[in-house]
Amino acid sequence: MAGGRLDPAPAGRDHGLTSQEHAVARAVASGGSNREIAEALFLSPRTVEHHLGNVYRKLGVHSRAALAARLQPAATRDLRGTPAEAAAPSTT
């Protein structure tokens, strides 16, 4: 969400989301608040909430953290779906 602009969804990775839902999902996964996302996408915060509810339902997630994990590239997750860096034992 750098500079208030969001790139379109990558081809083949829409997860059944509309383009607007995908933009909201990516912005949430990047740490944006509903108000920040609304400003960046020229929407009302209530519209962002509506899209986010649709995203949660379509992806079967119930939190912003779960959404961020679900949208992570598969290469950065271990076989259980956990982010690889979280699954690695600490060396310190």
C-alpha atoms as a PDB file:
ATOM      1  CA  MET A   1       0.000   0.000   0.000  1.00  0.00           C
ATOM      2  CA  ALA A   2       2.967   2.285  -0.526  1.00  0.00           C
ATOM      3  CA  GLY A   3       2.082   5.758  -1.654  1.00  0.00           C
ATOM      4  CA  GLY A   4      -1.638   5.093  -1.280  1.00  0.00           C
ATOM      5  CA  ARG A   5      -1.766   3.004  -4.472  1.00  0.00           C
ATOM      6  CA  LEU A   6      -2.581  -0.664  -4.695  1.00  0.00           C
ATOM      7  CA  ASP A   7      -1.552  -2.932  -7.541  1.00  0.00           C
ATOM      8  CA  PRO A   8      -4.132  -5.172  -9.233  1.00  0.00           C
ATOM      9  CA  ALA A   9      -4.425  -8.793  -8.150  1.00  0.00           C
ATOM     10  CA  PRO A  10      -1.760 -11.119  -9.575  1.00  0.00           C
ATOM     11  CA  ALA A  11      -3.143 -13.356 -12.312  1.00  0.00           C
ATOM     12  CA  GLY A  12      -4.410 -16.702 -11.055  1.00  0.00           C
ATOM     13  CA  ARG A  13      -4.304 -15.687  -7.373  1.00  0.00           C
ATOM     14  CA  ASP A  14      -7.680 -14.036  -6.839  1.00  0.00           C
ATOM     15  CA  HIS A  15      -8.943 -16.644  -4.300  1.00  0.00           C
ATOM     16  CA  GLY A  16     -12.483 -16.098  -5.657  1.00  0.00           C
ATOM     17  CA  LEU A  17     -12.443 -12.455  -4.595  1.00  0.00           C
ATOM     18  CA  THR A  18     -13.630  -9.477  -6.585  1.00  0.00           C
ATOM     19  CA  SER A  19     -10.942  -6.973  -7.529  1.00  0.00           C
ATOM     20  CA  GLN A  20     -12.121  -4.599  -4.795  1.00  0.00           C
ATOM     21  CA  GLU A  21     -12.160  -7.374  -2.172  1.00  0.00           C
ATOM     22  CA  HIS A  22      -8.679  -8.416  -3.228  1.00  0.00           C
ATOM     23  CA  ALA A  23      -7.395  -4.852  -2.908  1.00  0.00           C
ATOM     24  CA  VAL A  24      -8.882  -4.601   0.597  1.00  0.00           C
ATOM     25  CA  ALA A  25      -7.500  -8.020   1.568  1.00  0.00           C
ATOM     26  CA  ARG A  26      -3.970  -7.147   0.430  1.00  0.00           C
ATOM     27  CA  ALA A  27      -4.110  -3.806   2.208  1.00  0.00           C
ATOM     28  CA  VAL A  28      -5.276  -5.469   5.440  1.00  0.00           C
ATOM     29  CA  ALA A  29      -2.566  -8.125   5.106  1.00  0.00           C
ATOM     30  CA  SER A  30      -0.038  -5.298   4.717  1.00  0.00           C
ATOM     31  CA  GLY A  31      -1.139  -3.845   8.043  1.00  0.00           C
ATOM     32  CA  GLY A  32      -3.458  -1.070   6.907  1.00  0.00           C
ATOM     33  CA  SER A  33      -6.295   0.079   9.149  1.00  0.00           C
ATOM     34  CA  ASN A  34      -9.816   0.289   7.744  1.00  0.00           C
ATOM     35  CA  ARG A  35      -9.527   4.081   7.688  1.00  0.00           C
ATOM     36  CA  GLU A  36      -6.160   3.994   5.848  1.00  0.00           C
ATOM     37  CA  ILE A  37      -7.495   1.486   3.343  1.00  0.00           C
ATOM     38  CA  ALA A  38     -10.643   3.544   2.796  1.00  0.00           C
ATOM     39  CA  GLU A  39      -8.567   6.631   2.037  1.00  0.00           C
ATOM     40  CA  ALA A  40      -6.229   4.746  -0.316  1.00  0.00           C
ATOM     41  CA  LEU A  41      -9.104   3.138  -2.249  1.00  0.00           C
ATOM     42  CA  PHE A  42     -11.428   6.172  -2.144  1.00  0.00           C
ATOM     43  CA  LEU A  43     -14.046   4.220  -0.178  1.00  0.00           C
ATOM     44  CA  SER A  44     -15.833   4.796   3.097  1.00  0.00           C
ATOM     45  CA  PRO A  45     -14.553   2.851   6.138  1.00  0.00           C
ATOM     46  CA  ARG A  46     -17.963   1.118   6.239  1.00  0.00           C
ATOM     47  CA  THR A  47     -17.483  -0.125   2.652  1.00  0.00           C
ATOM     48  CA  VAL A  48     -14.048  -1.460   3.616  1.00  0.00           C
ATOM     49  CA  GLU A  49     -15.689  -3.324   6.529  1.00  0.00           C
ATOM     50  CA  HIS A  50     -18.256  -4.800   4.123  1.00  0.00           C
ATOM     51  CA  HIS A  51     -15.572  -5.989   1.693  1.00  0.00           C
ATOM     52  CA  LEU A  52     -13.494  -7.363   4.573  1.00  0.00           C
ATOM     53  CA  GLY A  53     -16.481  -9.388   5.813  1.00  0.00           C
ATOM     54  CA  ASN A  54     -16.859 -10.872   2.329  1.00  0.00           C
ATOM     55  CA  VAL A  55     -13.144 -11.667   2.215  1.00  0.00           C
ATOM     56  CA  TYR A  56     -13.253 -13.431   5.590  1.00  0.00           C
ATOM     57  CA  ARG A  57     -16.251 -15.499   4.481  1.00  0.00           C
ATOM     58  CA  LYS A  58     -14.799 -16.450   1.091  1.00  0.00           C
ATOM     59  CA  LEU A  59     -11.382 -17.375   2.490  1.00  0.00           C
ATOM     60  CA  GLY A  60     -12.681 -19.010   5.663  1.00  0.00           C
ATOM     61  CA  VAL A  61     -10.676 -16.788   8.016  1.00  0.00           C
ATOM     62  CA  HIS A  62     -11.794 -14.893  11.107  1.00  0.00           C
ATOM     63  CA  SER A  63      -9.055 -12.357  11.773  1.00  0.00           C
ATOM     64  CA  ARG A  64      -6.663  -9.935  10.105  1.00  0.00           C
ATOM     65  CA  ALA A  65      -3.722 -12.128  11.158  1.00  0.00           C
ATOM     66  CA  ALA A  66      -5.309 -15.233   9.620  1.00  0.00           C
ATOM     67  CA  LEU A  67      -5.985 -13.265   6.436  1.00  0.00           C
ATOM     68  CA  ALA A  68      -2.350 -12.133   6.238  1.00  0.00           C
ATOM     69  CA  ALA A  69      -1.170 -15.731   6.720  1.00  0.00           C
ATOM     70  CA  ARG A  70      -3.609 -16.999   4.075  1.00  0.00           C
ATOM     71  CA  LEU A  71      -2.374 -14.487   1.501  1.00  0.00           C
ATOM     72  CA  GLN A  72       1.319 -15.212   2.102  1.00  0.00           C
ATOM     73  CA  PRO A  73       3.121 -16.804  -0.833  1.00  0.00           C
ATOM     74  CA  ALA A  74       3.130 -20.584  -0.387  1.00  0.00           C
ATOM     75  CA  ALA A  75       6.945 -20.678  -0.496  1.00  0.00           C
ATOM     76  CA  THR A  76       7.129 -18.775   2.795  1.00  0.00           C
ATOM     77  CA  ARG A  77       4.979 -21.321   4.677  1.00  0.00           C
ATOM     78  CA  ASP A  78       5.899 -24.727   5.999  1.00  0.00           C
ATOM     79  CA  LEU A  79       3.775 -27.818   5.264  1.00  0.00           C
ATOM     80  CA  ARG A  80       1.305 -27.008   8.072  1.00  0.00           C
ATOM     81  CA  GLY A  81       0.568 -23.589   6.588  1.00  0.00           C
ATOM     82  CA  THR A  82       2.577 -21.833   9.297  1.00  0.00           C
ATOM     83  CA  PRO A  83       4.933 -19.058   8.196  1.00  0.00           C
ATOM     84  CA  ALA A  84       8.341 -20.691   7.745  1.00  0.00           C
ATOM     85  CA  GLU A  85      10.145 -18.194   9.987  1.00  0.00           C
ATOM     86  CA  ALA A  86       7.648 -18.859  12.828  1.00  0.00           C
ATOM     87  CA  ALA A  87       8.046 -22.628  12.479  1.00  0.00           C
ATOM     88  CA  ALA A  88      11.863 -22.563  12.588  1.00  0.00           C
ATOM     89  CA  PRO A  89      13.401 -23.150  16.012  1.00  0.00           C
ATOM     90  CA  SER A  90      15.140 -20.169  17.562  1.00  0.00           C
ATOM     91  CA  THR A  91      18.948 -20.188  17.443  1.00  0.00           C
ATOM     92  CA  THR A  92      19.382 -17.623  20.232  1.00  0.00           C
END
